[in-house]
């Protein structure tokens, strides 16, 4: 079976498509379980059931290097100048597969425990209150405030820094490192993106190695110490794996939380009736947060490699092929969600796929929910005059799709 071609409108390099990909997703879902994109060289999967199935199917992997070389999979070798970036990234869980992934996740889970996450609740609540104070103060004279740098970005930076044990004087380094490294996850990173990602990877890795050495000498109650000390069945993390794990926690946890915050506030401002609904009933905040993640997820596309000849919904996919899983489309699939284009803060059945599925399901999901619920509860309660002050400005990012600005007024 030969899959159909994606619609011409499916163009991740197009500003119009990035601004609103959802109508095109509707066209894709009607074509069948799989379509082929000559532009990106990927099999594109848009339906929720098929996206979920591929995420759980061990014939597909986030990486193929545990079973074959680049040449054996018909892929080009890594560019030598990108080695520092890939060396760091491939030592984290996201870009490994069993058996390495199984061992890494088991070790990290022994350190990154539910108890550790719950123990951060008070500090997260305090940070959320302070950031909303800052927002209210910045806009108290009626001036326009860009909500992204004032509220959305500082919260996960503070949380991840507290989690890892990064001293306050160094926390300004984290957001630029994360932004620059995540540029490499776009479909077509530019030469400038590559240079900045490599530099960020080298600097962050060097910083973490020094921090880990300090924690081995003087242990503290933080995740870097716990990761440096964790032992399970006689196994422990190597220093490279510790660095890769911490980089993953920053990039995945930080970028996603910023994205849900910015996209979510934009959605609430575009649906004032839903914003008033949750103000009238703050108990809706947890379900609202789930709806924000579903309605406009910041992670629009996640890829997998076919580790062997396989199929998606009966459509053959050859070994070595890359499959693009459209999370944004899966979260608007009418086969899974009633009236999926409707934004509903009280949506009770919400099996969104924003945290993934299968063995790579997001380990930080409980922490992300804790952050988002704390922040949105404060915003809903304390900023009754939150109003858009112009259209959000979008950049070129599609895989991680977050407006670059979100202008608002609060008084």
Protein backbone atom coordinates (compact mmCIF):
# COMPACT_ATOMS: atom_id res chain seq x y z
CA UNK A 1 0.00 0.00 0.00
CA UNK A 2 1.44 3.37 -1.06
CA UNK A 3 0.48 6.18 1.32
CA UNK A 4 -1.02 9.38 -0.09
CA UNK A 5 0.99 12.59 -0.19
CA UNK A 6 0.41 15.15 2.52
CA UNK A 7 -1.60 18.22 1.47
CA UNK A 8 0.44 21.11 0.07
CA UNK A 9 -0.61 23.10 3.13
CA UNK A 10 1.49 20.80 5.34
CA UNK A 11 4.61 22.94 5.26
CA UNK A 12 6.47 23.32 8.57
CA UNK A 13 8.56 26.12 7.01
CA UNK A 14 5.45 28.19 6.25
CA UNK A 15 4.55 30.94 8.71
CA UNK A 16 0.87 30.55 7.81
CA UNK A 17 0.93 26.83 8.61
CA UNK A 18 2.83 27.31 11.88
CA UNK A 19 0.38 30.04 12.92
CA UNK A 20 -2.56 27.61 12.64
CA UNK A 21 -1.78 24.01 11.64
CA UNK A 22 -5.10 22.60 12.83
CA UNK A 23 -7.17 22.87 9.61
CA UNK A 24 -4.39 21.03 7.76
CA UNK A 25 -4.36 18.34 10.43
CA UNK A 26 -8.05 17.79 9.73
CA UNK A 27 -7.23 17.14 6.07
CA UNK A 28 -4.45 14.75 7.03
CA UNK A 29 -6.64 12.65 9.32
CA UNK A 30 -9.08 12.11 6.45
CA UNK A 31 -6.35 10.72 4.17
CA UNK A 32 -5.75 7.60 6.24
CA UNK A 33 -3.40 6.35 8.94
CA UNK A 34 -0.23 7.50 7.14
CA UNK A 35 0.74 10.11 4.54
CA UNK A 36 4.10 10.80 2.94
CA UNK A 37 5.81 14.19 3.13
CA UNK A 38 8.39 14.73 0.36
CA UNK A 39 9.30 18.04 2.01
CA UNK A 40 10.43 16.47 5.27
CA UNK A 41 11.16 12.91 4.07
CA UNK A 42 8.88 11.42 6.72
CA UNK A 43 5.85 9.22 7.05
CA UNK A 44 3.30 11.47 8.75
CA UNK A 45 0.89 9.99 11.32
CA UNK A 46 -2.00 12.22 12.36
CA UNK A 47 -4.71 10.12 14.04
CA UNK A 48 -4.73 9.67 17.80
CA UNK A 49 -5.02 5.88 17.81
CA UNK A 50 -2.15 5.50 15.35
CA UNK A 51 0.11 7.99 17.14
CA UNK A 52 -0.54 6.19 20.42
CA UNK A 53 0.12 2.81 18.81
CA UNK A 54 3.47 3.84 17.33
CA UNK A 55 4.63 5.30 20.66
CA UNK A 56 4.00 1.89 22.27
CA UNK A 57 5.30 -0.24 19.37
CA UNK A 58 8.84 -1.51 20.02
CA UNK A 59 9.40 -1.85 16.27
CA UNK A 60 9.83 1.94 16.38
CA UNK A 61 12.41 3.77 18.45
CA UNK A 62 13.48 7.26 19.30
CA UNK A 63 17.00 6.15 18.29
CA UNK A 64 18.25 3.30 16.13
CA UNK A 65 21.90 3.36 17.19
CA UNK A 66 21.38 0.52 19.66
CA UNK A 67 20.63 -1.84 16.74
CA UNK A 68 22.47 -0.40 13.73
CA UNK A 69 24.96 2.17 12.52
CA UNK A 70 23.94 5.17 10.45
CA UNK A 71 25.25 3.44 7.33
CA UNK A 72 23.33 0.24 8.05
CA UNK A 73 20.13 2.29 8.32
CA UNK A 74 20.88 4.15 5.11
CA UNK A 75 21.41 7.43 6.96
CA UNK A 76 24.28 9.92 6.70
CA UNK A 77 26.93 10.06 9.39
CA UNK A 78 26.69 12.82 12.00
CA UNK A 79 28.48 15.98 10.99
CA UNK A 80 31.72 16.10 13.03
CA UNK A 81 31.07 19.63 14.27
CA UNK A 82 27.84 18.44 15.93
CA UNK A 83 29.53 15.73 18.01
CA UNK A 84 29.53 17.75 21.28
CA UNK A 85 25.77 18.21 21.01
CA UNK A 86 24.95 14.60 20.18
CA UNK A 87 27.38 13.26 22.80
CA UNK A 88 25.39 15.08 25.50
CA UNK A 89 21.92 14.37 24.14
CA UNK A 90 22.48 10.66 23.50
CA UNK A 91 23.52 10.07 27.10
CA UNK A 92 20.01 11.00 28.30
CA UNK A 93 16.95 8.75 28.36
CA UNK A 94 15.10 10.45 25.52
CA UNK A 95 17.51 9.34 22.82
CA UNK A 96 18.22 5.83 24.09
CA UNK A 97 16.33 2.57 23.72
CA UNK A 98 16.33 -0.67 25.74
CA UNK A 99 18.36 -2.09 27.32
CA UNK A 100 20.20 1.20 28.04
CA UNK A 101 16.95 3.14 28.42
CA UNK A 102 15.55 0.59 30.87
CA UNK A 103 18.60 0.86 33.11
CA UNK A 104 18.74 4.68 32.90
CA UNK A 105 15.07 5.18 33.65
CA UNK A 106 15.20 2.79 36.61
CA UNK A 107 18.17 4.63 38.10
CA UNK A 108 16.76 8.11 37.49
CA UNK A 109 13.36 7.11 38.90
CA UNK A 110 15.05 6.07 42.17
CA UNK A 111 16.36 9.64 42.54
CA UNK A 112 13.55 11.65 40.89
CA UNK A 113 10.86 10.28 43.18
CA UNK A 114 7.21 11.33 43.74
CA UNK A 115 8.26 12.28 47.28
CA UNK A 116 10.92 14.65 45.92
CA UNK A 117 8.36 16.25 43.57
CA UNK A 118 5.75 16.63 46.29
CA UNK A 119 8.39 18.16 48.55
CA UNK A 120 8.71 21.01 46.06
CA UNK A 121 5.05 22.02 46.28
CA UNK A 122 5.51 24.82 48.82
CA UNK A 123 8.41 26.42 46.96
CA UNK A 124 6.54 26.15 43.62
CA UNK A 125 3.48 27.82 45.14
CA UNK A 126 5.69 30.61 46.55
CA UNK A 127 7.42 31.14 43.22
CA UNK A 128 4.10 31.28 41.38
CA UNK A 129 2.83 33.91 43.83
CA UNK A 130 5.98 36.01 43.41
CA UNK A 131 5.82 35.88 39.61
CA UNK A 132 2.18 36.98 39.61
CA UNK A 133 3.19 39.79 41.99
CA UNK A 134 5.82 40.81 39.43
CA UNK A 135 3.26 40.74 36.62
CA UNK A 136 0.77 42.86 38.55
CA UNK A 137 3.49 45.34 39.55
CA UNK A 138 4.82 45.62 35.98
CA UNK A 139 1.38 46.39 34.59
CA UNK A 140 -0.09 48.38 37.48
CA UNK A 141 0.15 51.66 35.54
CA UNK A 142 -1.73 50.22 32.57
CA UNK A 143 1.38 49.55 30.48
CA UNK A 144 1.67 46.56 28.18
CA UNK A 145 3.60 43.62 29.64
CA UNK A 146 5.09 40.69 27.73
CA UNK A 147 3.87 37.82 29.87
CA UNK A 148 6.40 35.33 28.51
CA UNK A 149 9.62 36.67 30.12
CA UNK A 150 7.85 37.97 33.23
CA UNK A 151 5.91 34.83 34.16
CA UNK A 152 6.15 31.90 31.75
CA UNK A 153 9.93 31.58 31.51
CA UNK A 154 11.01 32.23 35.12
CA UNK A 155 8.79 29.59 36.74
CA UNK A 156 10.30 26.44 35.20
CA UNK A 157 13.81 27.93 35.41
CA UNK A 158 13.35 28.41 39.14
CA UNK A 159 11.81 24.96 39.59
CA UNK A 160 14.47 23.09 37.58
CA UNK A 161 17.23 25.06 39.30
CA UNK A 162 15.80 24.16 42.73
CA UNK A 163 15.45 20.54 41.64
CA UNK A 164 19.01 20.22 40.37
CA UNK A 165 20.59 22.40 43.05
CA UNK A 166 21.79 25.20 40.76
CA UNK A 167 22.76 28.22 42.93
CA UNK A 168 20.68 31.40 42.43
CA UNK A 169 23.69 33.28 40.99
CA UNK A 170 23.91 30.79 38.09
CA UNK A 171 20.25 30.45 37.19
CA UNK A 172 20.36 33.05 34.44
CA UNK A 173 22.44 30.57 32.42
CA UNK A 174 19.75 27.89 32.18
CA UNK A 175 17.14 29.45 29.89
CA UNK A 176 19.62 30.43 27.12
CA UNK A 177 21.21 26.97 27.23
CA UNK A 178 17.82 25.32 26.93
CA UNK A 179 16.63 27.56 24.08
CA UNK A 180 19.81 27.13 22.09
CA UNK A 181 19.91 23.35 22.45
CA UNK A 182 16.24 22.94 21.55
CA UNK A 183 16.83 24.70 18.23
CA UNK A 184 18.33 21.42 17.03
CA UNK A 185 15.00 19.63 17.34
CA UNK A 186 13.42 21.64 14.54
CA UNK A 187 13.17 19.91 11.17
CA UNK A 188 15.68 22.15 9.45
CA UNK A 189 18.11 23.76 11.92
CA UNK A 190 20.21 26.52 10.39
CA UNK A 191 24.03 26.71 10.60
CA UNK A 192 23.60 29.37 13.29
CA UNK A 193 21.26 27.05 15.20
CA UNK A 194 23.91 24.33 15.08
CA UNK A 195 26.70 26.60 16.33
CA UNK A 196 24.61 27.87 19.23
CA UNK A 197 23.36 24.38 20.16
CA UNK A 198 26.89 22.96 20.24
CA UNK A 199 28.16 25.84 22.36
CA UNK A 200 25.23 25.49 24.78
CA UNK A 201 25.77 21.74 25.08
CA UNK A 202 29.47 22.17 25.81
CA UNK A 203 28.91 24.92 28.37
CA UNK A 204 26.05 23.16 30.16
CA UNK A 205 27.91 19.83 30.25
CA UNK A 206 31.01 21.48 31.70
CA UNK A 207 28.90 23.27 34.30
CA UNK A 208 27.13 20.07 35.34
CA UNK A 209 30.38 18.11 35.62
CA UNK A 210 31.71 20.73 38.02
CA UNK A 211 28.44 20.79 39.97
CA UNK A 212 28.43 16.99 40.23
CA UNK A 213 32.01 17.03 41.52
CA UNK A 214 31.03 19.56 44.18
CA UNK A 215 28.05 17.43 45.23
CA UNK A 216 30.15 14.28 45.50
CA UNK A 217 32.49 16.17 47.82
CA UNK A 218 29.70 17.95 49.74
CA UNK A 219 26.32 16.24 49.26
CA UNK A 220 23.16 18.34 49.45
CA UNK A 221 19.43 17.69 49.25
CA UNK A 222 19.12 18.10 45.49
CA UNK A 223 18.71 15.92 42.42
CA UNK A 224 22.31 16.21 41.23
CA UNK A 225 23.45 14.75 44.57
CA UNK A 226 20.80 12.03 44.38
CA UNK A 227 21.78 11.12 40.81
CA UNK A 228 25.46 11.04 41.74
CA UNK A 229 24.74 8.70 44.66
CA UNK A 230 21.99 6.46 43.26
CA UNK A 231 22.78 2.76 43.06
CA UNK A 232 20.42 -0.02 42.01
CA UNK A 233 21.37 -3.68 41.71
CA UNK A 234 24.99 -2.61 41.84
CA UNK A 235 24.61 -0.19 38.92
CA UNK A 236 25.00 3.58 38.96
CA UNK A 237 24.92 6.41 36.45
CA UNK A 238 28.13 7.30 34.69
CA UNK A 239 29.12 10.97 34.77
CA UNK A 240 28.10 11.30 31.10
CA UNK A 241 24.68 9.79 31.89
CA UNK A 242 24.22 12.14 34.83
CA UNK A 243 24.99 15.10 32.57
CA UNK A 244 22.67 13.83 29.83
CA UNK A 245 19.87 13.29 32.36
CA UNK A 246 20.15 16.80 33.78
CA UNK A 247 20.22 18.34 30.30
CA UNK A 248 17.09 16.38 29.41
CA UNK A 249 15.31 17.54 32.57
CA UNK A 250 16.09 21.15 31.73
CA UNK A 251 15.21 21.02 28.05
CA UNK A 252 12.14 18.81 28.19
CA UNK A 253 10.70 20.10 31.45
CA UNK A 254 11.51 23.73 30.89
CA UNK A 255 10.53 24.25 27.25
CA UNK A 256 7.28 22.30 27.60
CA UNK A 257 6.16 24.22 30.70
CA UNK A 258 6.94 27.57 29.09
CA UNK A 259 4.98 26.44 26.04
CA UNK A 260 1.89 25.28 27.90
CA UNK A 261 1.89 28.52 29.90
CA UNK A 262 2.13 30.85 26.90
CA UNK A 263 -0.14 28.84 24.60
CA UNK A 264 -2.56 28.29 27.46
CA UNK A 265 -2.88 31.93 28.43
CA UNK A 266 -3.34 32.84 24.77
CA UNK A 267 -6.15 30.27 24.56
CA UNK A 268 -7.84 31.61 27.69
CA UNK A 269 -7.65 35.19 26.41
CA UNK A 270 -9.18 34.07 23.12
CA UNK A 271 -12.03 32.37 25.02
CA UNK A 272 -13.06 34.87 27.72
CA UNK A 273 -16.17 32.86 28.56
CA UNK A 274 -13.96 29.92 29.60
CA UNK A 275 -11.68 32.20 31.58
CA UNK A 276 -14.68 33.57 33.49
CA UNK A 277 -15.94 30.06 34.03
CA UNK A 278 -12.77 28.96 35.81
CA UNK A 279 -12.63 32.22 37.77
CA UNK A 280 -16.10 31.45 39.06
CA UNK A 281 -15.08 27.89 39.93
CA UNK A 282 -11.34 27.60 40.77
CA UNK A 283 -11.81 23.88 41.35
CA UNK A 284 -11.69 23.63 37.54
CA UNK A 285 -7.99 24.58 37.44
CA UNK A 286 -6.69 20.96 37.22
CA UNK A 287 -9.05 20.04 34.37
CA UNK A 288 -8.31 23.38 32.73
CA UNK A 289 -4.57 22.62 32.74
CA UNK A 290 -5.21 19.29 31.02
CA UNK A 291 -7.32 21.07 28.41
CA UNK A 292 -4.58 23.65 27.83
CA UNK A 293 -2.14 20.83 27.13
CA UNK A 294 -4.58 19.17 24.73
CA UNK A 295 -5.96 22.19 22.91
CA UNK A 296 -2.66 23.74 21.80
CA UNK A 297 0.22 21.51 22.85
CA UNK A 298 3.64 23.14 22.44
CA UNK A 299 5.19 19.89 21.18
CA UNK A 300 3.53 19.46 17.80
CA UNK A 301 5.65 16.68 16.32
CA UNK A 302 7.67 13.85 17.84
CA UNK A 303 9.61 11.44 15.64
CA UNK A 304 10.38 7.71 15.68
CA UNK A 305 12.58 5.49 13.52
CA UNK A 306 11.46 2.15 12.10
CA UNK A 307 13.93 -0.31 13.64
CA UNK A 308 12.69 -3.07 11.32
CA UNK A 309 10.16 -3.40 8.53
CA UNK A 310 6.90 -2.46 10.22
CA UNK A 311 3.51 -0.93 9.55
CA UNK A 312 1.23 1.83 10.81
CA UNK A 313 -2.45 1.03 10.57
CA UNK A 314 -1.64 -1.58 7.91
CA UNK A 315 0.52 0.78 5.83
CA UNK A 316 4.06 -0.66 5.37
CA UNK A 317 6.94 1.40 6.75
CA UNK A 318 10.41 0.21 5.75
CA UNK A 319 13.32 -0.20 8.17
CA UNK A 320 15.30 3.02 8.49
CA UNK A 321 12.30 5.28 7.74
CA UNK A 322 11.43 8.18 9.99
CA UNK A 323 7.87 8.56 11.25
CA UNK A 324 6.52 11.98 12.26
CA UNK A 325 3.90 11.67 15.00
CA UNK A 326 1.68 14.75 15.04
CA UNK A 327 0.77 15.27 18.69
CA UNK A 328 -1.12 18.45 17.84
CA UNK A 329 -3.32 16.56 15.41
CA UNK A 330 -3.83 13.56 17.71
CA UNK A 331 -5.06 15.94 20.40
CA UNK A 332 -7.74 17.28 18.04
CA UNK A 333 -8.88 13.91 16.66
CA UNK A 334 -12.72 13.64 16.71
CA UNK A 335 -12.38 9.87 17.04
CA UNK A 336 -10.91 10.43 20.51
CA UNK A 337 -12.35 13.77 21.65
CA UNK A 338 -15.90 15.03 21.48
CA UNK A 339 -16.05 18.36 19.59
CA UNK A 340 -12.22 18.52 19.60
CA UNK A 341 -11.87 22.08 18.28
CA UNK A 342 -13.92 23.42 21.18
CA UNK A 343 -11.89 24.77 24.11
CA UNK A 344 -13.55 23.49 27.28
CA UNK A 345 -11.92 24.08 30.69
CA UNK A 346 -14.27 21.52 32.22
CA UNK A 347 -13.59 18.70 29.74
CA UNK A 348 -13.89 15.62 31.92
CA UNK A 349 -12.62 12.98 29.49
CA UNK A 350 -9.27 14.18 28.22
CA UNK A 351 -6.86 11.40 27.17
CA UNK A 352 -4.44 13.80 25.47
CA UNK A 353 -1.06 12.59 24.36
CA UNK A 354 1.01 15.65 25.27
CA UNK A 355 3.22 13.68 27.68
CA UNK A 356 3.75 10.87 25.17
CA UNK A 357 3.09 7.17 25.79
CA UNK A 358 4.97 3.90 26.14
CA UNK A 359 8.46 3.62 27.59
CA UNK A 360 9.26 7.28 26.85
CA UNK A 361 6.24 8.67 28.70
CA UNK A 362 7.39 11.89 30.35
CA UNK A 363 8.97 11.14 33.73
CA UNK A 364 8.47 14.77 34.73
CA UNK A 365 4.70 14.86 34.11
CA UNK A 366 3.77 15.14 37.83
CA UNK A 367 6.19 18.06 38.28
CA UNK A 368 4.87 19.84 35.19
CA UNK A 369 1.29 19.50 36.41
CA UNK A 370 2.27 20.84 39.83
CA UNK A 371 3.92 23.92 38.28
CA UNK A 372 1.12 24.65 35.85
CA UNK A 373 -1.68 24.23 38.37
CA UNK A 374 0.10 26.52 40.85
CA UNK A 375 0.69 29.25 38.29
CA UNK A 376 -2.72 29.19 36.66
CA UNK A 377 -4.47 29.14 40.03
CA UNK A 378 -2.64 32.36 40.94
CA UNK A 379 -3.37 34.01 37.60
CA UNK A 380 -7.05 33.14 37.67
CA UNK A 381 -7.45 34.30 41.26
CA UNK A 382 -5.39 37.45 41.28
CA UNK A 383 -5.43 39.00 37.79
CA UNK A 384 -9.11 39.66 37.02
CA UNK A 385 -8.33 42.25 34.33
CA UNK A 386 -5.90 40.15 32.30
CA UNK A 387 -6.49 41.30 28.71
CA UNK A 388 -4.69 40.73 25.39
CA UNK A 389 -2.78 43.76 24.11
CA UNK A 390 -2.12 42.68 20.55
CA UNK A 391 -1.48 39.45 18.70
CA UNK A 392 1.23 37.11 20.00
CA UNK A 393 4.29 37.21 17.73
CA UNK A 394 5.29 33.80 16.43
CA UNK A 395 8.75 32.64 15.39
CA UNK A 396 9.65 29.89 12.96
CA UNK A 397 9.53 27.04 15.48
CA UNK A 398 7.06 24.29 14.57
CA UNK A 399 8.11 21.18 16.46
CA UNK A 400 8.26 23.30 19.61
CA UNK A 401 5.52 25.78 18.76
CA UNK A 402 5.46 28.69 21.23
CA UNK A 403 4.81 32.40 20.55
CA UNK A 404 7.86 34.57 21.05
CA UNK A 405 5.80 37.27 22.75
CA UNK A 406 2.47 37.46 24.56
CA UNK A 407 1.54 41.13 25.19
CA UNK A 408 -1.10 41.69 27.89
CA UNK A 409 -2.42 44.36 30.22
CA UNK A 410 -3.45 43.65 33.81
CA UNK A 411 -4.98 46.92 35.02
